[in-house]
Amino acid sequence: MTLFQSKYFQIEKLAEGVFAAIIHPGSGCIGNAAVVDLGGRTIIWDTFQNHRAALDLRQFAMNEFEEQPILVVNSHFHLDHCGGNQVFSDCAILSTSKTREVMEERNPGVVDFIKKNPDFPKEFAKKVELETDPMKKEEMLVQLKNYEEIGEMIIDLQFTLPNITFDHSLVLHGQKRTAHLNCYGGGHTPSDLVLYLPEDEILLIGDLITVCTHPMVKHGDIEEWLKILDILASMPIKQIFAGHGPAIGKEHLQIIQNYLSNLIQVANNAITDGTPLEELEKIPVPEDYSKWSLPELYTNNLKAVYTFFQSKLQPQK
């Protein structure tokens, strides 16, 4: 069987009827998506940022599963996971109640900002030209391609909200498998949903894990994030498919736990030593994470965690 071809993503088969859609860097898609055959219904897990890519994803699902009804699930509110929702406006689109609330509050502003700044790719291109670090320049070139693609597609983007919400858990039953949608709270964002396939022992985890890429912590709660990863670590898991990167094994839970724990330790040490927030920029990326993508996020994350714990030390009014 020849797998579906798209300029935006490649398809990787995780199990019979379970497919990862892994983005092509520079295609205007930032986060991954997935397709799951329940048997009688198809789940689309996240819809990319680029709705043109979402059209390809829908076509793949229809080709593969003979046009059976589609259910869309948004893992969290970030636009790179729900920007393609408009392609599925005639389908059930599910999220947690909190995710829909935050989506409605924040994402239209993001879309509006992009539309009002059409020259941003040209301005970013000037920064790329000035960059002297080869590794950083290579990453910036990929970002530039993303910005250019997003600038083209944003014109006809119509931001679409989920039309079905729930709070903590939902079980979807099909003729071939069962899908468990569980929200254990907010870590990466105020509400993070995971999809677990018990028959396959596969976990679709959204951005609670990133693979060889610095995650972003500023929109969530780092302490809750670690608790959620502890819960997931207790589950029987053969494969994890994250929002960024290839499918990986269960051991990657510990890698991200170590990363988050490092941020907490370094931030709390800085608070104890009286280090000002702006001085955190002088702290280098630890060797274990120095080759990860988006290294600038380490400093941003450190500042976010520093601010998070410093606020806890302020007297309550």
Foldseek 3Di string as FASTA:
>chain_A
DDAQDDPFFDWDDPDVQKIKTAGDQLQLQFWTWIWGCQAQEIEIEFQALFLVVSVSVVVRNCVVPVNRAYEYEFFAQDNRRQQNVVVVPVHAYEYAPVRLVVNVVPVVVVLVVLQVCLCVLVVLVVVLVVDDPVVVSVLSVSVSSNSVNCSVRSVPGDGDGGPDHHHAWDWDHHPHFIKIWGWPAWFQARTGIKIATVVSQEIEGEQLAADLADRAGQHTHNVSSLVVLVVVLVGRHQWYDYGYDGIDGNCRSVVVNVVSVVLLVVLVVCVVVVNDLVCLVVDADDPVNNRGPPRVSSSVRSSSSNVVVVVVVDDDD
